[in-house]
């Protein structure tokens, strides 16, 4: 099973090719913008380096958001373009889950993933020790997000991941180290390898409208 995984949702542009558990290529570049111009050449470089043809692929894994509205659309459009006419299944993974599985820890501990959504909000979700969602994803203010998350005295049971961590937990001030945490396309490919092929093509997971403003009516009830 030869899998291509791509991510363009946050502050990087990434692609990986795996043949089973064998990592054939992994290319990840920090990128605030310009994902649309860089993704196709990046995938082409990965294919060339591995001598894998598009016809050899058996699955495409792509992050579907939340994240940059443009980045989400770029990744999905590219994945769908590859699939057209090739009967190639495309599996979507939320950016939150991609981040959760991209930062493994000893014992595969539970994780809290928080992404700076700008406009005074964070995207967030908790995951169990297997990397599966333990609550619905949310877009909330940092203060509201804190009320949806485990009590402070139980946080030691969780690994914190993502650029939104210091917004919800202001005592954690190393903002650049959190910001540098991006989805790993290799981890995405390994997760997607065991996921069932959906009946329909994946769609974007925005969690809020493109012109949304922070609202106190949002909910994180799972």
N, C-alpha and C. Protein backbone atom coordinates (compact mmCIF):
# COMPACT_ATOMS: atom_id res chain seq x y z
N UNK A 1 0.85 -1.19 0.00
CA UNK A 1 0.00 0.00 0.00
C UNK A 1 0.89 1.25 0.00
N UNK A 2 0.82 2.01 -1.07
CA UNK A 2 1.63 3.23 -1.19
C UNK A 2 0.72 4.43 -0.92
N UNK A 3 1.08 5.20 0.09
CA UNK A 3 0.22 6.29 0.55
C UNK A 3 0.95 7.62 0.40
N UNK A 4 0.22 8.61 -0.11
CA UNK A 4 0.68 9.99 -0.15
C UNK A 4 -0.11 10.77 0.89
N UNK A 5 0.58 11.47 1.78
CA UNK A 5 -0.09 12.33 2.76
C UNK A 5 0.36 13.76 2.54
N UNK A 6 -0.59 14.70 2.57
CA UNK A 6 -0.27 16.11 2.36
C UNK A 6 -0.96 16.97 3.39
N UNK A 7 -0.29 18.07 3.75
CA UNK A 7 -0.86 19.02 4.71
C UNK A 7 -0.52 20.43 4.29
N UNK A 8 -1.55 21.30 4.29
CA UNK A 8 -1.35 22.72 3.96
C UNK A 8 -2.17 23.62 4.88
N UNK A 9 -2.62 23.12 6.00
CA UNK A 9 -3.62 23.85 6.80
C UNK A 9 -3.05 24.90 7.74
N UNK A 10 -1.81 24.74 8.17
CA UNK A 10 -1.27 25.66 9.17
C UNK A 10 -0.04 26.39 8.61
N UNK A 11 1.04 26.42 9.38
CA UNK A 11 2.21 27.21 8.98
C UNK A 11 3.31 26.33 8.37
N UNK A 12 2.90 25.30 7.66
CA UNK A 12 3.87 24.49 6.92
C UNK A 12 3.19 23.88 5.72
N UNK A 13 4.02 23.41 4.81
CA UNK A 13 3.54 22.68 3.64
C UNK A 13 4.28 21.35 3.66
N UNK A 14 3.53 20.25 3.76
CA UNK A 14 4.18 18.96 3.95
C UNK A 14 3.65 17.87 3.04
N UNK A 15 4.53 16.93 2.71
CA UNK A 15 4.15 15.77 1.92
C UNK A 15 5.02 14.59 2.34
N UNK A 16 4.41 13.42 2.36
CA UNK A 16 5.16 12.20 2.68
C UNK A 16 4.62 11.06 1.83
N UNK A 17 5.49 10.14 1.49
CA UNK A 17 5.11 8.93 0.76
C UNK A 17 5.58 7.74 1.57
N UNK A 18 4.65 6.83 1.86
CA UNK A 18 4.97 5.62 2.60
C UNK A 18 4.55 4.40 1.80
N UNK A 19 5.36 3.38 1.86
CA UNK A 19 5.02 2.06 1.31
C UNK A 19 4.91 1.12 2.50
N UNK A 20 3.70 0.86 2.94
CA UNK A 20 3.51 0.16 4.19
C UNK A 20 4.04 1.00 5.33
N UNK A 21 4.94 0.43 6.14
CA UNK A 21 5.57 1.18 7.22
C UNK A 21 6.87 1.83 6.80
N UNK A 22 7.24 1.64 5.55
CA UNK A 22 8.51 2.17 5.05
C UNK A 22 8.33 3.60 4.56
N UNK A 23 9.02 4.54 5.20
CA UNK A 23 8.94 5.95 4.80
C UNK A 23 9.86 6.17 3.61
N UNK A 24 9.26 6.46 2.46
CA UNK A 24 10.05 6.68 1.25
C UNK A 24 10.47 8.13 1.10
N UNK A 25 9.61 9.05 1.55
CA UNK A 25 9.93 10.47 1.43
C UNK A 25 9.15 11.25 2.48
N UNK A 26 9.78 12.30 3.00
CA UNK A 26 9.12 13.23 3.92
C UNK A 26 9.70 14.62 3.67
N UNK A 27 8.86 15.52 3.16
CA UNK A 27 9.27 16.89 2.89
C UNK A 27 8.32 17.83 3.62
N UNK A 28 8.86 18.66 4.51
CA UNK A 28 8.05 19.62 5.26
C UNK A 28 8.79 20.95 5.25
N UNK A 29 8.09 22.02 4.82
CA UNK A 29 8.68 23.35 4.77
C UNK A 29 7.85 24.32 5.58
N UNK A 30 8.46 25.11 6.48
CA UNK A 30 7.72 26.18 7.15
C UNK A 30 7.19 27.15 6.10
N UNK A 31 5.92 27.52 6.22
CA UNK A 31 5.34 28.39 5.19
C UNK A 31 4.09 29.07 5.74
N UNK A 32 4.16 30.38 5.88
CA UNK A 32 3.01 31.15 6.34
C UNK A 32 1.96 31.30 5.25
N UNK A 33 2.42 31.41 4.01
CA UNK A 33 1.52 31.57 2.87
C UNK A 33 2.18 30.96 1.63
N UNK A 34 1.44 30.98 0.52
CA UNK A 34 2.00 30.43 -0.71
C UNK A 34 1.91 28.92 -0.82
N UNK A 35 1.00 28.30 -0.04
CA UNK A 35 0.85 26.85 -0.10
C UNK A 35 0.42 26.40 -1.50
N UNK A 36 -0.42 27.18 -2.15
CA UNK A 36 -0.94 26.79 -3.47
C UNK A 36 0.18 26.69 -4.49
N UNK A 37 1.15 27.60 -4.41
CA UNK A 37 2.25 27.59 -5.37
C UNK A 37 3.27 26.49 -5.06
N UNK A 38 3.37 26.10 -3.80
CA UNK A 38 4.44 25.19 -3.41
C UNK A 38 4.02 23.73 -3.34
N UNK A 39 2.73 23.43 -3.12
CA UNK A 39 2.32 22.05 -2.86
C UNK A 39 2.62 21.12 -4.04
N UNK A 40 2.20 21.48 -5.23
CA UNK A 40 2.42 20.60 -6.39
C UNK A 40 3.91 20.31 -6.62
N UNK A 41 4.78 21.34 -6.61
CA UNK A 41 6.21 21.04 -6.77
C UNK A 41 6.76 20.16 -5.63
N UNK A 42 6.26 20.36 -4.41
CA UNK A 42 6.73 19.56 -3.28
C UNK A 42 6.37 18.08 -3.47
N UNK A 43 5.13 17.83 -3.89
CA UNK A 43 4.71 16.45 -4.13
C UNK A 43 5.49 15.86 -5.30
N UNK A 44 5.71 16.66 -6.33
CA UNK A 44 6.48 16.20 -7.49
C UNK A 44 7.90 15.81 -7.06
N UNK A 45 8.51 16.61 -6.19
CA UNK A 45 9.85 16.30 -5.69
C UNK A 45 9.86 14.98 -4.92
N UNK A 46 8.82 14.78 -4.11
CA UNK A 46 8.73 13.53 -3.34
C UNK A 46 8.58 12.32 -4.27
N UNK A 47 7.74 12.45 -5.28
CA UNK A 47 7.53 11.35 -6.23
C UNK A 47 8.81 11.06 -7.00
N UNK A 48 9.49 12.10 -7.44
CA UNK A 48 10.72 11.92 -8.22
C UNK A 48 11.80 11.25 -7.38
N UNK A 49 11.91 11.68 -6.12
CA UNK A 49 12.95 11.14 -5.24
C UNK A 49 12.74 9.66 -4.94
N UNK A 50 11.50 9.21 -5.01
CA UNK A 50 11.19 7.82 -4.66
C UNK A 50 10.90 6.95 -5.87
N UNK A 51 10.85 7.55 -7.05
CA UNK A 51 10.49 6.84 -8.28
C UNK A 51 9.08 6.26 -8.21
N UNK A 52 8.25 6.84 -7.33
CA UNK A 52 6.85 6.43 -7.25
C UNK A 52 6.06 7.25 -8.25
N UNK A 53 5.17 6.59 -8.98
CA UNK A 53 4.29 7.29 -9.90
C UNK A 53 2.93 7.51 -9.24
N UNK A 54 2.21 8.47 -9.73
CA UNK A 54 0.86 8.70 -9.21
C UNK A 54 0.03 7.43 -9.37
N UNK A 55 0.25 6.70 -10.46
CA UNK A 55 -0.50 5.46 -10.70
C UNK A 55 -0.19 4.39 -9.66
N UNK A 56 0.93 4.54 -8.94
CA UNK A 56 1.30 3.56 -7.91
C UNK A 56 0.58 3.81 -6.59
N UNK A 57 0.03 5.00 -6.42
CA UNK A 57 -0.59 5.36 -5.15
C UNK A 57 -1.87 4.56 -4.92
N UNK A 58 -2.10 4.19 -3.67
CA UNK A 58 -3.34 3.48 -3.33
C UNK A 58 -4.24 4.32 -2.44
N UNK A 59 -3.70 5.35 -1.80
CA UNK A 59 -4.50 6.24 -0.95
C UNK A 59 -3.84 7.61 -0.91
N UNK A 60 -4.69 8.63 -0.74
CA UNK A 60 -4.20 9.98 -0.46
C UNK A 60 -4.81 10.43 0.86
N UNK A 61 -3.97 10.90 1.77
CA UNK A 61 -4.42 11.41 3.06
C UNK A 61 -4.20 12.92 3.07
N UNK A 62 -5.21 13.67 3.51
CA UNK A 62 -5.10 15.14 3.47
C UNK A 62 -5.75 15.73 4.72
N UNK A 63 -5.12 16.76 5.26
CA UNK A 63 -5.75 17.50 6.36
C UNK A 63 -6.88 18.34 5.81
N UNK A 64 -8.00 18.38 6.54
CA UNK A 64 -9.21 19.06 6.07
C UNK A 64 -9.56 20.28 6.91
N UNK A 65 -8.68 20.68 7.83
CA UNK A 65 -8.97 21.79 8.71
C UNK A 65 -9.35 21.30 10.09
N UNK A 66 -9.53 22.23 11.00
CA UNK A 66 -9.52 23.68 10.82
C UNK A 66 -8.11 24.22 10.61
N UNK A 67 -8.06 25.45 10.14
CA UNK A 67 -6.80 26.10 9.87
C UNK A 67 -7.01 27.26 8.93
N UNK A 68 -5.99 27.59 8.16
CA UNK A 68 -6.10 28.65 7.17
C UNK A 68 -7.18 28.28 6.15
N UNK A 69 -8.11 29.20 5.90
CA UNK A 69 -9.18 28.90 4.94
C UNK A 69 -8.59 28.61 3.56
N UNK A 70 -7.60 29.38 3.16
CA UNK A 70 -6.97 29.13 1.86
C UNK A 70 -6.21 27.82 1.87
N UNK A 71 -5.46 27.57 2.94
CA UNK A 71 -4.68 26.34 3.02
C UNK A 71 -5.54 25.10 2.98
N UNK A 72 -6.67 25.13 3.68
CA UNK A 72 -7.59 23.99 3.68
C UNK A 72 -8.06 23.70 2.26
N UNK A 73 -8.46 24.74 1.55
CA UNK A 73 -8.96 24.56 0.19
C UNK A 73 -7.88 24.05 -0.75
N UNK A 74 -6.65 24.54 -0.56
CA UNK A 74 -5.54 24.13 -1.43
C UNK A 74 -5.29 22.62 -1.31
N UNK A 75 -5.20 22.13 -0.09
CA UNK A 75 -4.93 20.71 0.11
C UNK A 75 -6.03 19.83 -0.42
N UNK A 76 -7.28 20.19 -0.13
CA UNK A 76 -8.41 19.39 -0.58
C UNK A 76 -8.51 19.39 -2.11
N UNK A 77 -8.32 20.54 -2.73
CA UNK A 77 -8.42 20.62 -4.19
C UNK A 77 -7.33 19.78 -4.85
N UNK A 78 -6.14 19.82 -4.29
CA UNK A 78 -5.05 19.04 -4.86
C UNK A 78 -5.33 17.54 -4.73
N UNK A 79 -5.78 17.13 -3.55
CA UNK A 79 -6.07 15.70 -3.33
C UNK A 79 -7.18 15.23 -4.27
N UNK A 80 -8.21 16.03 -4.39
CA UNK A 80 -9.31 15.65 -5.29
C UNK A 80 -8.85 15.59 -6.73
N UNK A 81 -7.97 16.52 -7.12
CA UNK A 81 -7.45 16.52 -8.49
C UNK A 81 -6.68 15.26 -8.81
N UNK A 82 -5.89 14.78 -7.84
CA UNK A 82 -5.17 13.53 -8.05
C UNK A 82 -6.12 12.35 -8.21
N UNK A 83 -7.21 12.39 -7.45
CA UNK A 83 -8.13 11.25 -7.41
C UNK A 83 -9.00 11.14 -8.65
N UNK A 84 -9.27 12.26 -9.29
CA UNK A 84 -10.19 12.27 -10.44
C UNK A 84 -9.68 11.35 -11.54
N UNK A 85 -10.52 10.45 -11.96
CA UNK A 85 -10.20 9.57 -13.07
C UNK A 85 -9.27 8.42 -12.72
N UNK A 86 -8.84 8.35 -11.47
CA UNK A 86 -7.90 7.29 -11.09
C UNK A 86 -8.51 6.32 -10.09
N UNK A 87 -9.74 6.55 -9.67
CA UNK A 87 -10.38 5.73 -8.66
C UNK A 87 -9.49 5.64 -7.42
N UNK A 88 -8.91 6.77 -7.06
CA UNK A 88 -7.96 6.84 -5.95
C UNK A 88 -8.68 7.37 -4.72
N UNK A 89 -8.76 6.59 -3.64
CA UNK A 89 -9.48 7.05 -2.46
C UNK A 89 -8.74 8.17 -1.74
N UNK A 90 -9.51 9.14 -1.28
CA UNK A 90 -8.96 10.26 -0.51
C UNK A 90 -9.58 10.24 0.88
N UNK A 91 -8.73 10.25 1.89
CA UNK A 91 -9.20 10.23 3.27
C UNK A 91 -8.81 11.54 3.95
N UNK A 92 -9.78 12.20 4.55
CA UNK A 92 -9.53 13.45 5.24
C UNK A 92 -9.30 13.23 6.72
N UNK A 93 -8.34 13.96 7.27
CA UNK A 93 -8.04 13.92 8.70
C UNK A 93 -8.08 15.35 9.22
N UNK A 94 -8.72 15.57 10.35
CA UNK A 94 -8.76 16.91 10.89
C UNK A 94 -7.35 17.34 11.29
N UNK A 95 -7.09 18.64 11.18
CA UNK A 95 -5.79 19.16 11.58
C UNK A 95 -5.52 18.89 13.04
N UNK A 96 -6.57 18.93 13.85
CA UNK A 96 -6.42 18.68 15.29
C UNK A 96 -5.94 17.25 15.54
N UNK A 97 -6.56 16.28 14.86
CA UNK A 97 -6.13 14.90 15.04
C UNK A 97 -4.73 14.68 14.44
N UNK A 98 -4.46 15.33 13.32
CA UNK A 98 -3.13 15.21 12.72
C UNK A 98 -2.06 15.70 13.69
N UNK A 99 -2.32 16.80 14.39
CA UNK A 99 -1.38 17.29 15.39
C UNK A 99 -1.26 16.32 16.56
N UNK A 100 -2.38 15.74 16.95
CA UNK A 100 -2.37 14.80 18.08
C UNK A 100 -1.48 13.60 17.80
N UNK A 101 -1.58 13.03 16.60
CA UNK A 101 -0.78 11.84 16.29
C UNK A 101 0.64 12.19 15.87
N UNK A 102 0.89 13.47 15.59
CA UNK A 102 2.22 13.89 15.15
C UNK A 102 3.19 14.09 16.30
N UNK A 103 2.68 14.07 17.52
CA UNK A 103 3.53 14.32 18.67
C UNK A 103 3.36 13.18 19.67
N UNK A 104 3.87 12.02 19.32
CA UNK A 104 3.73 10.85 20.21
C UNK A 104 4.56 11.03 21.47
N UNK A 105 4.11 10.41 22.53
CA UNK A 105 4.84 10.42 23.80
C UNK A 105 4.88 9.00 24.33
N UNK A 106 5.74 8.77 25.29
CA UNK A 106 5.83 7.44 25.87
C UNK A 106 4.50 7.03 26.46
N UNK A 107 4.02 5.86 26.08
CA UNK A 107 2.73 5.41 26.59
C UNK A 107 1.55 5.95 25.81
N UNK A 108 1.83 6.75 24.75
CA UNK A 108 0.75 7.32 23.93
C UNK A 108 -0.29 8.01 24.82
N UNK A 109 0.18 8.95 25.64
CA UNK A 109 -0.69 9.64 26.58
C UNK A 109 -1.78 10.44 25.92
N UNK A 110 -2.76 10.83 26.72
CA UNK A 110 -3.85 11.67 26.23
C UNK A 110 -3.31 13.05 25.85
N UNK A 111 -4.01 13.71 24.93
CA UNK A 111 -3.53 15.00 24.44
C UNK A 111 -4.64 16.05 24.42
N UNK A 112 -4.24 17.28 24.63
CA UNK A 112 -5.09 18.45 24.39
C UNK A 112 -4.44 19.21 23.25
N UNK A 113 -5.17 19.37 22.14
CA UNK A 113 -4.65 20.09 20.98
C UNK A 113 -5.38 21.41 20.85
N UNK A 114 -4.62 22.49 20.76
CA UNK A 114 -5.18 23.84 20.66
C UNK A 114 -4.44 24.61 19.57
N UNK A 115 -5.20 25.20 18.65
CA UNK A 115 -4.63 25.96 17.54
C UNK A 115 -5.09 27.41 17.65
N UNK A 116 -4.17 28.34 17.51
CA UNK A 116 -4.53 29.76 17.48
C UNK A 116 -5.36 30.02 16.23
N UNK A 117 -6.65 30.31 16.42
CA UNK A 117 -7.55 30.53 15.29
C UNK A 117 -7.65 32.00 14.90
N UNK A 118 -6.87 32.87 15.58
CA UNK A 118 -6.92 34.33 15.37
C UNK A 118 -8.31 34.85 15.78
N UNK A 119 -8.47 36.14 15.66
CA UNK A 119 -9.75 36.79 15.99
C UNK A 119 -10.23 36.46 17.40
N UNK A 120 -9.28 36.27 18.31
CA UNK A 120 -9.64 36.04 19.69
C UNK A 120 -10.20 34.66 19.99
N UNK A 121 -9.89 33.68 19.14
CA UNK A 121 -10.41 32.34 19.34
C UNK A 121 -9.31 31.29 19.21
N UNK A 122 -9.61 30.10 19.70
CA UNK A 122 -8.75 28.93 19.47
C UNK A 122 -9.63 27.79 18.97
N UNK A 123 -9.04 26.94 18.14
CA UNK A 123 -9.66 25.66 17.81
C UNK A 123 -9.09 24.64 18.79
N UNK A 124 -9.92 23.72 19.25
CA UNK A 124 -9.41 22.76 20.21
C UNK A 124 -10.16 21.46 20.24
N UNK A 125 -9.52 20.47 20.84
CA UNK A 125 -10.12 19.15 20.99
C UNK A 125 -9.19 18.30 21.87
N UNK A 126 -9.78 17.41 22.66
CA UNK A 126 -8.98 16.46 23.43
C UNK A 126 -9.02 15.10 22.75
N UNK A 127 -7.95 14.32 22.96
CA UNK A 127 -7.82 13.01 22.35
C UNK A 127 -7.40 11.99 23.40
N UNK A 128 -7.87 10.76 23.22
CA UNK A 128 -7.51 9.71 24.16
C UNK A 128 -6.11 9.19 23.86
N UNK A 129 -5.69 8.19 24.60
CA UNK A 129 -4.33 7.68 24.47
C UNK A 129 -4.08 6.98 23.14
N UNK A 130 -5.16 6.72 22.37
CA UNK A 130 -5.01 6.09 21.05
C UNK A 130 -5.07 7.13 19.92
N UNK A 131 -5.16 8.41 20.29
CA UNK A 131 -5.24 9.46 19.28
C UNK A 131 -6.61 9.64 18.69
N UNK A 132 -7.64 9.10 19.37
CA UNK A 132 -9.02 9.25 18.90
C UNK A 132 -9.70 10.38 19.67
N UNK A 133 -10.60 11.14 19.01
CA UNK A 133 -11.24 12.28 19.67
C UNK A 133 -12.00 11.86 20.93
N UNK A 134 -11.83 12.66 21.98
CA UNK A 134 -12.53 12.41 23.24
C UNK A 134 -13.64 13.43 23.46
N UNK A 135 -13.76 14.41 22.57
CA UNK A 135 -14.83 15.41 22.61
C UNK A 135 -14.95 16.00 21.21
N UNK A 136 -16.02 16.77 20.98
CA UNK A 136 -16.18 17.42 19.68
C UNK A 136 -15.19 18.57 19.57
N UNK A 137 -14.75 18.86 18.34
CA UNK A 137 -13.87 20.00 18.12
C UNK A 137 -14.64 21.29 18.33
N UNK A 138 -13.95 22.33 18.78
CA UNK A 138 -14.62 23.60 19.07
C UNK A 138 -13.80 24.79 18.60
N UNK A 139 -14.48 25.91 18.40
CA UNK A 139 -13.85 27.20 18.15
C UNK A 139 -14.40 28.16 19.20
N UNK A 140 -13.58 28.55 20.15
CA UNK A 140 -14.03 29.34 21.29
C UNK A 140 -12.97 30.36 21.68
N UNK A 141 -13.36 31.30 22.51
CA UNK A 141 -12.36 32.19 23.09
C UNK A 141 -11.47 31.38 24.02
N UNK A 142 -10.27 31.84 24.29
CA UNK A 142 -9.40 31.09 25.21
C UNK A 142 -10.05 30.84 26.56
N UNK A 143 -10.80 31.81 27.05
CA UNK A 143 -11.44 31.65 28.36
C UNK A 143 -12.52 30.58 28.30
N UNK A 144 -13.30 30.58 27.23
CA UNK A 144 -14.33 29.56 27.09
C UNK A 144 -13.71 28.18 26.88
N UNK A 145 -12.63 28.15 26.12
CA UNK A 145 -11.96 26.87 25.88
C UNK A 145 -11.47 26.26 27.18
N UNK A 146 -10.94 27.08 28.06
CA UNK A 146 -10.42 26.58 29.32
C UNK A 146 -11.52 25.89 30.13
N UNK A 147 -12.74 26.42 30.02
CA UNK A 147 -13.85 25.83 30.78
C UNK A 147 -14.30 24.50 30.18
N UNK A 148 -13.89 24.21 28.95
CA UNK A 148 -14.28 22.97 28.28
C UNK A 148 -13.24 21.86 28.47
N UNK A 149 -12.12 22.22 29.02
CA UNK A 149 -11.00 21.29 29.10
C UNK A 149 -10.87 20.72 30.51
N UNK A 150 -10.06 19.69 30.66
CA UNK A 150 -9.91 19.07 31.98
C UNK A 150 -9.50 20.08 33.05
N UNK A 151 -9.84 19.78 34.28
CA UNK A 151 -9.49 20.65 35.40
C UNK A 151 -7.97 20.79 35.51
N UNK A 152 -7.49 21.97 35.95
CA UNK A 152 -6.04 22.20 36.02
C UNK A 152 -5.27 21.14 36.78
N UNK A 153 -5.89 20.59 37.84
CA UNK A 153 -5.15 19.61 38.64
C UNK A 153 -5.00 18.26 37.94
N UNK A 154 -5.66 18.08 36.77
CA UNK A 154 -5.52 16.83 36.02
C UNK A 154 -4.71 17.02 34.73
N UNK A 155 -4.22 18.24 34.47
CA UNK A 155 -3.51 18.51 33.22
C UNK A 155 -2.22 17.70 33.10
N UNK A 156 -1.67 17.27 34.21
CA UNK A 156 -0.44 16.48 34.15
C UNK A 156 -0.66 15.15 33.42
N UNK A 157 -1.92 14.75 33.26
CA UNK A 157 -2.23 13.52 32.56
C UNK A 157 -2.21 13.70 31.04
N UNK A 158 -2.09 14.95 30.59
CA UNK A 158 -2.23 15.27 29.17
C UNK A 158 -0.94 15.86 28.61
N UNK A 159 -0.72 15.61 27.32
CA UNK A 159 0.31 16.30 26.56
C UNK A 159 -0.38 17.47 25.85
N UNK A 160 0.19 18.65 25.96
CA UNK A 160 -0.39 19.84 25.33
C UNK A 160 0.31 20.09 24.00
N UNK A 161 -0.48 20.33 22.96
CA UNK A 161 0.07 20.47 21.61
C UNK A 161 -0.59 21.66 20.91
N UNK A 162 0.19 22.46 20.20
CA UNK A 162 -0.37 23.45 19.30
C UNK A 162 -0.17 24.89 19.70
N UNK A 163 -0.31 25.77 18.71
CA UNK A 163 -0.04 27.20 18.88
C UNK A 163 -1.02 27.89 19.81
N UNK A 164 -2.16 27.26 20.09
CA UNK A 164 -3.15 27.88 20.98
C UNK A 164 -2.91 27.59 22.45
N UNK A 165 -1.93 26.75 22.76
CA UNK A 165 -1.70 26.37 24.16
C UNK A 165 -1.42 27.57 25.05
N UNK A 166 -0.48 28.48 24.68
CA UNK A 166 -0.22 29.60 25.58
C UNK A 166 -1.36 30.61 25.66
N UNK A 167 -2.31 30.55 24.73
CA UNK A 167 -3.47 31.44 24.81
C UNK A 167 -4.46 30.96 25.86
N UNK A 168 -4.64 29.66 25.92
CA UNK A 168 -5.56 29.08 26.90
C UNK A 168 -4.88 28.92 28.26
N UNK A 169 -3.59 28.64 28.21
CA UNK A 169 -2.81 28.46 29.45
C UNK A 169 -1.70 29.51 29.45
N UNK A 170 -2.02 30.76 29.82
CA UNK A 170 -1.06 31.87 29.69
C UNK A 170 0.21 31.71 30.51
N UNK A 171 0.23 30.80 31.48
CA UNK A 171 1.46 30.58 32.23
C UNK A 171 2.52 29.90 31.37
N UNK A 172 2.10 29.33 30.25
CA UNK A 172 3.03 28.69 29.32
C UNK A 172 3.36 29.70 28.23
N UNK A 173 4.45 30.41 28.40
CA UNK A 173 4.71 31.59 27.58
C UNK A 173 5.64 31.35 26.40
N UNK A 174 6.13 30.13 26.22
CA UNK A 174 7.06 29.88 25.11
C UNK A 174 6.28 29.74 23.80
N UNK A 175 5.77 30.85 23.33
CA UNK A 175 4.83 30.84 22.21
C UNK A 175 5.45 30.27 20.94
N UNK A 176 6.71 30.58 20.67
CA UNK A 176 7.30 30.12 19.41
C UNK A 176 7.46 28.60 19.39
N UNK A 177 7.76 28.00 20.52
CA UNK A 177 7.91 26.55 20.53
C UNK A 177 6.58 25.86 20.26
N UNK A 178 5.49 26.42 20.77
CA UNK A 178 4.17 25.85 20.50
C UNK A 178 3.80 26.08 19.03
N UNK A 179 4.13 27.28 18.53
CA UNK A 179 3.77 27.62 17.15
C UNK A 179 4.47 26.71 16.15
N UNK A 180 5.67 26.23 16.51
CA UNK A 180 6.43 25.41 15.57
C UNK A 180 5.86 24.01 15.41
N UNK A 181 4.91 23.64 16.26
CA UNK A 181 4.33 22.30 16.17
C UNK A 181 3.35 22.24 15.01
N UNK A 182 3.68 21.44 14.03
CA UNK A 182 2.88 21.31 12.81
C UNK A 182 2.57 19.84 12.56
N UNK A 183 1.54 19.54 11.74
CA UNK A 183 1.25 18.14 11.41
C UNK A 183 2.42 17.48 10.70
N UNK A 184 2.68 16.23 11.06
CA UNK A 184 3.72 15.44 10.42
C UNK A 184 3.04 14.54 9.39
N UNK A 185 3.33 14.72 8.10
CA UNK A 185 2.66 13.90 7.09
C UNK A 185 2.93 12.41 7.22
N UNK A 186 4.06 12.03 7.82
CA UNK A 186 4.32 10.61 8.05
C UNK A 186 3.34 10.04 9.06
N UNK A 187 3.13 10.76 10.15
CA UNK A 187 2.15 10.32 11.16
C UNK A 187 0.75 10.28 10.57
N UNK A 188 0.44 11.25 9.71
CA UNK A 188 -0.87 11.27 9.05
C UNK A 188 -1.06 10.03 8.18
N UNK A 189 -0.01 9.68 7.43
CA UNK A 189 -0.10 8.51 6.54
C UNK A 189 -0.30 7.23 7.34
N UNK A 190 0.40 7.12 8.45
CA UNK A 190 0.27 5.91 9.28
C UNK A 190 -1.13 5.81 9.88
N UNK A 191 -1.70 6.95 10.27
CA UNK A 191 -3.07 6.94 10.79
C UNK A 191 -4.05 6.59 9.68
N UNK A 192 -3.91 7.25 8.53
CA UNK A 192 -4.84 7.03 7.43
C UNK A 192 -4.79 5.63 6.85
N UNK A 193 -3.65 4.96 7.01
CA UNK A 193 -3.51 3.61 6.47
C UNK A 193 -4.51 2.65 7.09
N UNK A 194 -4.93 2.93 8.33
CA UNK A 194 -5.84 2.04 9.03
C UNK A 194 -7.28 2.55 9.05
N UNK A 195 -7.54 3.65 8.36
CA UNK A 195 -8.88 4.21 8.33
C UNK A 195 -9.67 3.65 7.15
N UNK A 196 -10.96 3.48 7.37
CA UNK A 196 -11.82 2.99 6.30
C UNK A 196 -11.99 4.05 5.22
N UNK A 197 -12.09 3.58 4.00
CA UNK A 197 -12.31 4.50 2.88
C UNK A 197 -13.75 5.02 2.95
N UNK A 198 -13.95 6.34 2.98
CA UNK A 198 -15.30 6.89 3.10
C UNK A 198 -16.10 6.73 1.81
N UNK A 199 -17.41 6.80 1.95
CA UNK A 199 -18.28 6.69 0.77
C UNK A 199 -18.27 7.96 -0.06
N UNK A 200 -17.94 9.09 0.57
CA UNK A 200 -17.92 10.38 -0.13
C UNK A 200 -16.57 11.04 0.03
N UNK A 201 -16.29 11.98 -0.85
CA UNK A 201 -15.03 12.72 -0.78
C UNK A 201 -15.00 13.58 0.48
N UNK A 202 -13.84 13.77 1.08
CA UNK A 202 -13.78 14.60 2.29
C UNK A 202 -14.10 16.05 2.00
N UNK A 203 -14.66 16.71 2.98
CA UNK A 203 -14.98 18.13 2.85
C UNK A 203 -14.28 18.92 3.94
N UNK A 204 -14.22 20.21 3.76
CA UNK A 204 -13.49 21.07 4.68
C UNK A 204 -14.15 21.12 6.06
N UNK A 205 -13.32 21.15 7.08
CA UNK A 205 -13.78 21.33 8.45
C UNK A 205 -13.30 22.70 8.90
N UNK A 206 -14.19 23.69 8.83
CA UNK A 206 -13.81 25.06 9.16
C UNK A 206 -14.07 25.42 10.63
N UNK A 207 -15.12 24.88 11.22
CA UNK A 207 -15.57 25.17 12.59
C UNK A 207 -16.18 26.56 12.74
N UNK A 208 -15.93 27.45 11.78
CA UNK A 208 -16.56 28.77 11.80
C UNK A 208 -16.54 29.32 10.38
N UNK A 209 -17.40 30.29 10.11
CA UNK A 209 -17.45 30.90 8.79
C UNK A 209 -16.23 31.77 8.58
N UNK A 210 -15.89 32.00 7.33
CA UNK A 210 -14.68 32.77 7.01
C UNK A 210 -14.73 34.18 7.56
N UNK A 211 -15.93 34.75 7.67
CA UNK A 211 -16.05 36.13 8.17
C UNK A 211 -16.60 36.16 9.59
N UNK A 212 -16.45 35.02 10.30
CA UNK A 212 -17.02 34.94 11.63
C UNK A 212 -16.29 35.85 12.60
N UNK A 213 -17.01 36.31 13.61
CA UNK A 213 -16.42 37.04 14.71
C UNK A 213 -16.62 36.21 15.97
N UNK A 214 -15.76 36.39 16.97
CA UNK A 214 -15.91 35.61 18.18
C UNK A 214 -17.30 35.69 18.77
N UNK A 215 -17.86 34.56 19.16
CA UNK A 215 -19.21 34.54 19.72
C UNK A 215 -19.22 33.71 20.99
N UNK A 216 -19.94 34.17 21.97
CA UNK A 216 -19.98 33.47 23.25
C UNK A 216 -20.95 32.32 23.24
N UNK A 217 -21.68 32.13 22.14
CA UNK A 217 -22.68 31.07 22.08
C UNK A 217 -22.12 29.75 21.60
N UNK A 218 -20.82 29.73 21.24
CA UNK A 218 -20.21 28.49 20.78
C UNK A 218 -20.25 27.45 21.88
N UNK A 219 -20.20 26.18 21.48
CA UNK A 219 -20.31 25.12 22.47
C UNK A 219 -19.21 24.09 22.26
N UNK A 220 -18.79 23.48 23.35
CA UNK A 220 -17.81 22.39 23.26
C UNK A 220 -18.36 21.13 23.87
N UNK A 221 -19.64 21.03 24.02
CA UNK A 221 -20.26 19.85 24.61
C UNK A 221 -20.15 18.69 23.65
N UNK A 222 -19.63 17.56 24.11
CA UNK A 222 -19.47 16.38 23.25
C UNK A 222 -20.60 15.41 23.44
